[in-house]
Amino acid sequence: MDIYVGNLPWSIDDDGLKDLFAEHGDVASAKVIRDRETNRSRGFGFVEMDDDSADTAISALDGHEVDGRALKVNKSKGKS
């Protein structure tokens, strides 16, 4: 399952995002989306996990505070 993670602190990178979700199961991939021109985080990312772990992670981390920012975590709606 692909998981959308919004309201990320600017300081978090791919490894930090992966570590955050790894506490709840095996993470297949974790990617913080970056601006093409400045390479700064755009404040959101995507994590891929198996469905059971993803459901657990979404429940545990939605609203969880990281560096003073409450994460928005939900099932990714996919690319339109």
PDB file of N, CA and C in Angstrom:
ATOM      1  N   MET A   1       0.845  -1.182   0.000  1.00  0.00           N
ATOM      2  CA  MET A   1       0.000   0.000   0.000  1.00  0.00           C
ATOM      3  C   MET A   1       0.888   1.241   0.000  1.00  0.00           C
ATOM      4  N   ASP A   2       0.511   2.212  -0.811  1.00  0.00           N
ATOM      5  CA  ASP A   2       1.204   3.501  -0.804  1.00  0.00           C
ATOM      6  C   ASP A   2       0.548   4.400   0.227  1.00  0.00           C
ATOM      7  N   ILE A   3       1.378   5.062   1.022  1.00  0.00           N
ATOM      8  CA  ILE A   3       0.901   5.949   2.084  1.00  0.00           C
ATOM      9  C   ILE A   3       1.389   7.360   1.797  1.00  0.00           C
ATOM     10  N   TYR A   4       0.471   8.319   1.868  1.00  0.00           N
ATOM     11  CA  TYR A   4       0.814   9.740   1.742  1.00  0.00           C
ATOM     12  C   TYR A   4       1.148  10.263   3.138  1.00  0.00           C
ATOM     13  N   VAL A   5       2.249  11.016   3.245  1.00  0.00           N
ATOM     14  CA  VAL A   5       2.647  11.624   4.514  1.00  0.00           C
ATOM     15  C   VAL A   5       2.832  13.116   4.281  1.00  0.00           C
ATOM     16  N   GLY A   6       1.958  13.917   4.884  1.00  0.00           N
ATOM     17  CA  GLY A   6       2.015  15.359   4.708  1.00  0.00           C
ATOM     18  C   GLY A   6       2.422  16.076   5.981  1.00  0.00           C
ATOM     19  N   ASN A   7       2.726  17.359   5.832  1.00  0.00           N
ATOM     20  CA  ASN A   7       3.142  18.231   6.932  1.00  0.00           C
ATOM     21  C   ASN A   7       4.455  17.767   7.554  1.00  0.00           C
ATOM     22  N   LEU A   8       5.342  17.240   6.712  1.00  0.00           N
ATOM     23  CA  LEU A   8       6.648  16.790   7.198  1.00  0.00           C
ATOM     24  C   LEU A   8       7.511  17.980   7.596  1.00  0.00           C
ATOM     25  N   PRO A   9       8.319  17.814   8.652  1.00  0.00           N
ATOM     26  CA  PRO A   9       9.275  18.878   8.976  1.00  0.00           C
ATOM     27  C   PRO A   9      10.309  18.978   7.840  1.00  0.00           C
ATOM     28  N   TRP A  10      10.796  20.178   7.609  1.00  0.00           N
ATOM     29  CA  TRP A  10      11.757  20.394   6.512  1.00  0.00           C
ATOM     30  C   TRP A  10      13.035  19.593   6.706  1.00  0.00           C
ATOM     31  N   SER A  11      13.350  19.248   7.940  1.00  0.00           N
ATOM     32  CA  SER A  11      14.617  18.578   8.242  1.00  0.00           C
ATOM     33  C   SER A  11      14.615  17.086   7.908  1.00  0.00           C
ATOM     34  N   ILE A  12      13.460  16.482   7.693  1.00  0.00           N
ATOM     35  CA  ILE A  12      13.419  15.028   7.496  1.00  0.00           C
ATOM     36  C   ILE A  12      13.815  14.662   6.066  1.00  0.00           C
ATOM     37  N   ASP A  13      14.578  13.559   5.942  1.00  0.00           N
ATOM     38  CA  ASP A  13      14.991  13.073   4.624  1.00  0.00           C
ATOM     39  C   ASP A  13      14.408  11.672   4.411  1.00  0.00           C
ATOM     40  N   ASP A  14      14.764  11.039   3.299  1.00  0.00           N
ATOM     41  CA  ASP A  14      14.220   9.717   2.975  1.00  0.00           C
ATOM     42  C   ASP A  14      14.490   8.710   4.094  1.00  0.00           C
ATOM     43  N   ASP A  15      15.724   8.699   4.611  1.00  0.00           N
ATOM     44  CA  ASP A  15      16.080   7.749   5.672  1.00  0.00           C
ATOM     45  C   ASP A  15      15.300   8.016   6.947  1.00  0.00           C
ATOM     46  N   GLY A  16      15.126   9.279   7.289  1.00  0.00           N
ATOM     47  CA  GLY A  16      14.360   9.635   8.483  1.00  0.00           C
ATOM     48  C   GLY A  16      12.910   9.209   8.364  1.00  0.00           C
ATOM     49  N   LEU A  17      12.345   9.377   7.172  1.00  0.00           N
ATOM     50  CA  LEU A  17      10.966   8.968   6.916  1.00  0.00           C
ATOM     51  C   LEU A  17      10.845   7.449   7.022  1.00  0.00           C
ATOM     52  N   LYS A  18      11.808   6.744   6.448  1.00  0.00           N
ATOM     53  CA  LYS A  18      11.810   5.280   6.508  1.00  0.00           C
ATOM     54  C   LYS A  18      11.903   4.811   7.958  1.00  0.00           C
ATOM     55  N   ASP A  19      12.796   5.409   8.739  1.00  0.00           N
ATOM     56  CA  ASP A  19      12.970   5.031  10.149  1.00  0.00           C
ATOM     57  C   ASP A  19      11.687   5.246  10.951  1.00  0.00           C
ATOM     58  N   LEU A  20      10.986   6.338  10.668  1.00  0.00           N
ATOM     59  CA  LEU A  20       9.745   6.661  11.368  1.00  0.00           C
ATOM     60  C   LEU A  20       8.699   5.556  11.163  1.00  0.00           C
ATOM     61  N   PHE A  21       8.598   5.058   9.933  1.00  0.00           N
ATOM     62  CA  PHE A  21       7.599   4.039   9.615  1.00  0.00           C
ATOM     63  C   PHE A  21       8.089   2.620   9.907  1.00  0.00           C
ATOM     64  N   ALA A  22       9.402   2.405   9.966  1.00  0.00           N
ATOM     65  CA  ALA A  22       9.959   1.071  10.203  1.00  0.00           C
ATOM     66  C   ALA A  22       9.565   0.517  11.571  1.00  0.00           C
ATOM     67  N   GLU A  23       9.203   1.393  12.505  1.00  0.00           N
ATOM     68  CA  GLU A  23       8.756   0.939  13.821  1.00  0.00           C
ATOM     69  C   GLU A  23       7.440   0.172  13.729  1.00  0.00           C
ATOM     70  N   HIS A  24       6.737   0.298  12.608  1.00  0.00           N
ATOM     71  CA  HIS A  24       5.412  -0.306  12.459  1.00  0.00           C
ATOM     72  C   HIS A  24       5.374  -1.426  11.418  1.00  0.00           C
ATOM     73  N   GLY A  25       6.516  -1.774  10.859  1.00  0.00           N
ATOM     74  CA  GLY A  25       6.579  -2.867   9.880  1.00  0.00           C
ATOM     75  C   GLY A  25       7.660  -2.629   8.841  1.00  0.00           C
ATOM     76  N   ASP A  26       7.768  -3.567   7.899  1.00  0.00           N
ATOM     77  CA  ASP A  26       8.779  -3.465   6.849  1.00  0.00           C
ATOM     78  C   ASP A  26       8.402  -2.387   5.837  1.00  0.00           C
ATOM     79  N   VAL A  27       9.355  -1.506   5.564  1.00  0.00           N
ATOM     80  CA  VAL A  27       9.146  -0.416   4.616  1.00  0.00           C
ATOM     81  C   VAL A  27       9.813  -0.787   3.297  1.00  0.00           C
ATOM     82  N   ALA A  28       9.013  -0.869   2.234  1.00  0.00           N
ATOM     83  CA  ALA A  28       9.553  -1.193   0.911  1.00  0.00           C
ATOM     84  C   ALA A  28      10.274   0.019   0.320  1.00  0.00           C
ATOM     85  N   SER A  29       9.704   1.214   0.522  1.00  0.00           N
ATOM     86  CA  SER A  29      10.346   2.439   0.043  1.00  0.00           C
ATOM     87  C   SER A  29       9.799   3.640   0.809  1.00  0.00           C
ATOM     88  N   ALA A  30      10.614   4.678   0.876  1.00  0.00           N
ATOM     89  CA  ALA A  30      10.218   5.939   1.514  1.00  0.00           C
ATOM     90  C   ALA A  30      10.875   7.069   0.740  1.00  0.00           C
ATOM     91  N   LYS A  31      10.076   8.034   0.323  1.00  0.00           N
ATOM     92  CA  LYS A  31      10.587   9.123  -0.518  1.00  0.00           C
ATOM     93  C   LYS A  31       9.987  10.453  -0.090  1.00  0.00           C
ATOM     94  N   VAL A  32      10.858  11.392   0.278  1.00  0.00           N
ATOM     95  CA  VAL A  32      10.425  12.766   0.543  1.00  0.00           C
ATOM     96  C   VAL A  32      10.478  13.490  -0.800  1.00  0.00           C
ATOM     97  N   ILE A  33       9.389  14.156  -1.158  1.00  0.00           N
ATOM     98  CA  ILE A  33       9.324  14.859  -2.443  1.00  0.00           C
ATOM     99  C   ILE A  33      10.061  16.193  -2.315  1.00  0.00           C
ATOM    100  N   ARG A  34      10.940  16.448  -3.273  1.00  0.00           N
ATOM    101  CA  ARG A  34      11.776  17.644  -3.250  1.00  0.00           C
ATOM    102  C   ARG A  34      11.503  18.535  -4.460  1.00  0.00           C
ATOM    103  N   ASP A  35      11.721  19.823  -4.264  1.00  0.00           N
ATOM    104  CA  ASP A  35      11.601  20.794  -5.347  1.00  0.00           C
ATOM    105  C   ASP A  35      12.728  20.550  -6.350  1.00  0.00           C
ATOM    106  N   ARG A  36      12.404  20.532  -7.627  1.00  0.00           N
ATOM    107  CA  ARG A  36      13.419  20.253  -8.657  1.00  0.00           C
ATOM    108  C   ARG A  36      14.517  21.308  -8.718  1.00  0.00           C
ATOM    109  N   GLU A  37      14.156  22.560  -8.514  1.00  0.00           N
ATOM    110  CA  GLU A  37      15.127  23.642  -8.663  1.00  0.00           C
ATOM    111  C   GLU A  37      15.971  23.870  -7.422  1.00  0.00           C
ATOM    112  N   THR A  38      15.351  23.813  -6.240  1.00  0.00           N
ATOM    113  CA  THR A  38      16.087  24.138  -5.014  1.00  0.00           C
ATOM    114  C   THR A  38      16.519  22.900  -4.228  1.00  0.00           C
ATOM    115  N   ASN A  39      15.954  21.741  -4.548  1.00  0.00           N
ATOM    116  CA  ASN A  39      16.213  20.486  -3.843  1.00  0.00           C
ATOM    117  C   ASN A  39      15.737  20.510  -2.391  1.00  0.00           C
ATOM    118  N   ARG A  40      14.928  21.521  -2.014  1.00  0.00           N
ATOM    119  CA  ARG A  40      14.336  21.575  -0.674  1.00  0.00           C
ATOM    120  C   ARG A  40      13.126  20.659  -0.612  1.00  0.00           C
ATOM    121  N   SER A  41      12.891  20.111   0.559  1.00  0.00           N
ATOM    122  CA  SER A  41      11.701  19.295   0.769  1.00  0.00           C
ATOM    123  C   SER A  41      10.458  20.121   0.469  1.00  0.00           C
ATOM    124  N   ARG A  42       9.458  19.481  -0.118  1.00  0.00           N
ATOM    125  CA  ARG A  42       8.182  20.159  -0.377  1.00  0.00           C
ATOM    126  C   ARG A  42       7.205  19.916   0.779  1.00  0.00           C
ATOM    127  N   GLY A  43       7.662  19.191   1.809  1.00  0.00           N
ATOM    128  CA  GLY A  43       6.844  19.011   3.011  1.00  0.00           C
ATOM    129  C   GLY A  43       5.929  17.802   2.985  1.00  0.00           C
ATOM    130  N   PHE A  44       6.110  16.944   1.978  1.00  0.00           N
ATOM    131  CA  PHE A  44       5.322  15.716   1.951  1.00  0.00           C
ATOM    132  C   PHE A  44       6.131  14.604   1.297  1.00  0.00           C
ATOM    133  N   GLY A  45       5.648  13.383   1.465  1.00  0.00           N
ATOM    134  CA  GLY A  45       6.345  12.248   0.883  1.00  0.00           C
ATOM    135  C   GLY A  45       5.427  11.043   0.800  1.00  0.00           C
ATOM    136  N   PHE A  46       6.007   9.922   0.372  1.00  0.00           N
ATOM    137  CA  PHE A  46       5.256   8.689   0.206  1.00  0.00           C
ATOM    138  C   PHE A  46       6.055   7.531   0.785  1.00  0.00           C
ATOM    139  N   VAL A  47       5.333   6.597   1.397  1.00  0.00           N
ATOM    140  CA  VAL A  47       5.940   5.399   1.973  1.00  0.00           C
ATOM    141  C   VAL A  47       5.177   4.210   1.413  1.00  0.00           C
ATOM    142  N   GLU A  48       5.906   3.144   1.084  1.00  0.00           N
ATOM    143  CA  GLU A  48       5.265   1.928   0.604  1.00  0.00           C
ATOM    144  C   GLU A  48       5.521   0.808   1.599  1.00  0.00           C
ATOM    145  N   MET A  49       4.418   0.175   2.056  1.00  0.00           N
ATOM    146  CA  MET A  49       4.482  -0.920   3.022  1.00  0.00           C
ATOM    147  C   MET A  49       3.420  -1.957   2.645  1.00  0.00           C
ATOM    148  N   ASP A  50       3.513  -3.168   3.260  1.00  0.00           N
ATOM    149  CA  ASP A  50       2.435  -4.138   3.043  1.00  0.00           C
ATOM    150  C   ASP A  50       1.177  -3.622   3.741  1.00  0.00           C
ATOM    151  N   ASP A  51       0.018  -4.108   3.311  1.00  0.00           N
ATOM    152  CA  ASP A  51      -1.259  -3.557   3.763  1.00  0.00           C
ATOM    153  C   ASP A  51      -1.461  -3.580   5.273  1.00  0.00           C
ATOM    154  N   ASP A  52      -1.128  -4.703   5.935  1.00  0.00           N
ATOM    155  CA  ASP A  52      -1.336  -4.793   7.384  1.00  0.00           C
ATOM    156  C   ASP A  52      -0.469  -3.789   8.139  1.00  0.00           C
ATOM    157  N   SER A  53       0.805  -3.720   7.775  1.00  0.00           N
ATOM    158  CA  SER A  53       1.721  -2.771   8.421  1.00  0.00           C
ATOM    159  C   SER A  53       1.297  -1.335   8.128  1.00  0.00           C
ATOM    160  N   ALA A  54       0.835  -1.102   6.906  1.00  0.00           N
ATOM    161  CA  ALA A  54       0.418   0.249   6.510  1.00  0.00           C
ATOM    162  C   ALA A  54      -0.759   0.718   7.356  1.00  0.00           C
ATOM    163  N   ASP A  55      -1.746  -0.151   7.552  1.00  0.00           N
ATOM    164  CA  ASP A  55      -2.907   0.218   8.371  1.00  0.00           C
ATOM    165  C   ASP A  55      -2.482   0.570   9.795  1.00  0.00           C
ATOM    166  N   THR A  56      -1.567  -0.226  10.352  1.00  0.00           N
ATOM    167  CA  THR A  56      -1.046   0.027  11.696  1.00  0.00           C
ATOM    168  C   THR A  56      -0.305   1.356  11.742  1.00  0.00           C
ATOM    169  N   ALA A  57       0.546   1.602  10.752  1.00  0.00           N
ATOM    170  CA  ALA A  57       1.337   2.830  10.707  1.00  0.00           C
ATOM    171  C   ALA A  57       0.442   4.059  10.555  1.00  0.00           C
ATOM    172  N   ILE A  58      -0.567   3.973   9.700  1.00  0.00           N
ATOM    173  CA  ILE A  58      -1.479   5.100   9.489  1.00  0.00           C
ATOM    174  C   ILE A  58      -2.183   5.439  10.800  1.00  0.00           C
ATOM    175  N   SER A  59      -2.685   4.418  11.490  1.00  0.00           N
ATOM    176  CA  SER A  59      -3.376   4.641  12.764  1.00  0.00           C
ATOM    177  C   SER A  59      -2.448   5.263  13.804  1.00  0.00           C
ATOM    178  N   ALA A  60      -1.213   4.779  13.848  1.00  0.00           N
ATOM    179  CA  ALA A  60      -0.274   5.238  14.871  1.00  0.00           C
ATOM    180  C   ALA A  60       0.307   6.618  14.578  1.00  0.00           C
ATOM    181  N   LEU A  61       0.528   6.938  13.306  1.00  0.00           N
ATOM    182  CA  LEU A  61       1.278   8.146  12.977  1.00  0.00           C
ATOM    183  C   LEU A  61       0.447   9.334  12.505  1.00  0.00           C
ATOM    184  N   ASP A  62      -0.820   9.130  12.153  1.00  0.00           N
ATOM    185  CA  ASP A  62      -1.646  10.261  11.749  1.00  0.00           C
ATOM    186  C   ASP A  62      -1.858  11.174  12.964  1.00  0.00           C
ATOM    187  N   GLY A  63      -1.404  12.412  12.845  1.00  0.00           N
ATOM    188  CA  GLY A  63      -1.488  13.361  13.953  1.00  0.00           C
ATOM    189  C   GLY A  63      -0.282  13.329  14.877  1.00  0.00           C
ATOM    190  N   HIS A  64       0.613  12.347  14.683  1.00  0.00           N
ATOM    191  CA  HIS A  64       1.825  12.234  15.501  1.00  0.00           C
ATOM    192  C   HIS A  64       2.726  13.451  15.247  1.00  0.00           C
ATOM    193  N   GLU A  65       3.281  14.001  16.307  1.00  0.00           N
ATOM    194  CA  GLU A  65       4.112  15.196  16.162  1.00  0.00           C
ATOM    195  C   GLU A  65       5.578  14.839  15.952  1.00  0.00           C
ATOM    196  N   VAL A  66       6.176  15.439  14.923  1.00  0.00           N
ATOM    197  CA  VAL A  66       7.601  15.284  14.636  1.00  0.00           C
ATOM    198  C   VAL A  66       8.167  16.687  14.466  1.00  0.00           C
ATOM    199  N   ASP A  67       9.131  17.042  15.296  1.00  0.00           N
ATOM    200  CA  ASP A  67       9.739  18.381  15.268  1.00  0.00           C
ATOM    201  C   ASP A  67       8.682  19.485  15.302  1.00  0.00           C
ATOM    202  N   GLY A  68       7.649  19.288  16.125  1.00  0.00           N
ATOM    203  CA  GLY A  68       6.630  20.303  16.313  1.00  0.00           C
ATOM    204  C   GLY A  68       5.556  20.355  15.226  1.00  0.00           C
ATOM    205  N   ARG A  69       5.582  19.408  14.305  1.00  0.00           N
ATOM    206  CA  ARG A  69       4.579  19.385  13.220  1.00  0.00           C
ATOM    207  C   ARG A  69       3.762  18.101  13.309  1.00  0.00           C
ATOM    208  N   ALA A  70       2.442  18.243  13.294  1.00  0.00           N
ATOM    209  CA  ALA A  70       1.546  17.081  13.335  1.00  0.00           C
ATOM    210  C   ALA A  70       1.435  16.487  11.932  1.00  0.00           C
ATOM    211  N   LEU A  71       1.858  15.239  11.790  1.00  0.00           N
ATOM    212  CA  LEU A  71       1.827  14.588  10.483  1.00  0.00           C
ATOM    213  C   LEU A  71       0.405  14.310  10.025  1.00  0.00           C
ATOM    214  N   LYS A  72       0.215  14.376   8.722  1.00  0.00           N
ATOM    215  CA  LYS A  72      -1.042  13.942   8.101  1.00  0.00           C
ATOM    216  C   LYS A  72      -0.691  12.672   7.348  1.00  0.00           C
ATOM    217  N   VAL A  73      -1.244  11.560   7.782  1.00  0.00           N
ATOM    218  CA  VAL A  73      -0.892  10.262   7.190  1.00  0.00           C
ATOM    219  C   VAL A  73      -2.174   9.558   6.755  1.00  0.00           C
ATOM    220  N   ASN A  74      -2.227   9.186   5.479  1.00  0.00           N
ATOM    221  CA  ASN A  74      -3.377   8.428   4.985  1.00  0.00           C
ATOM    222  C   ASN A  74      -2.999   7.625   3.750  1.00  0.00           C
ATOM    223  N   LYS A  75      -3.904   6.754   3.348  1.00  0.00           N
ATOM    224  CA  LYS A  75      -3.682   5.949   2.158  1.00  0.00           C
ATOM    225  C   LYS A  75      -3.566   6.875   0.950  1.00  0.00           C
ATOM    226  N   SER A  76      -2.552   6.683   0.152  1.00  0.00           N
ATOM    227  CA  SER A  76      -2.352   7.512  -1.030  1.00  0.00           C
ATOM    228  C   SER A  76      -3.486   7.299  -2.024  1.00  0.00           C
ATOM    229  N   LYS A  77      -3.927   8.378  -2.606  1.00  0.00           N
ATOM    230  CA  LYS A  77      -5.019   8.308  -3.571  1.00  0.00           C
ATOM    231  C   LYS A  77      -4.499   7.888  -4.955  1.00  0.00           C
ATOM    232  N   GLY A  78      -3.194   7.835  -5.120  1.00  0.00           N
ATOM    233  CA  GLY A  78      -2.611   7.423  -6.396  1.00  0.00           C
ATOM    234  C   GLY A  78      -2.528   8.579  -7.379  1.00  0.00           C
ATOM    235  N   LYS A  79      -1.887   8.302  -8.488  1.00  0.00           N
ATOM    236  CA  LYS A  79      -1.706   9.319  -9.524  1.00  0.00           C
ATOM    237  C   LYS A  79      -2.909   9.312 -10.438  1.00  0.00           C
ATOM    238  N   SER A  80      -3.435  10.509 -10.723  1.00  0.00           N
ATOM    239  CA  SER A  80      -4.611  10.602 -11.605  1.00  0.00           C
ATOM    240  C   SER A  80      -4.194  10.771 -13.040  1.00  0.00           C
TER     241      SER A  80
END
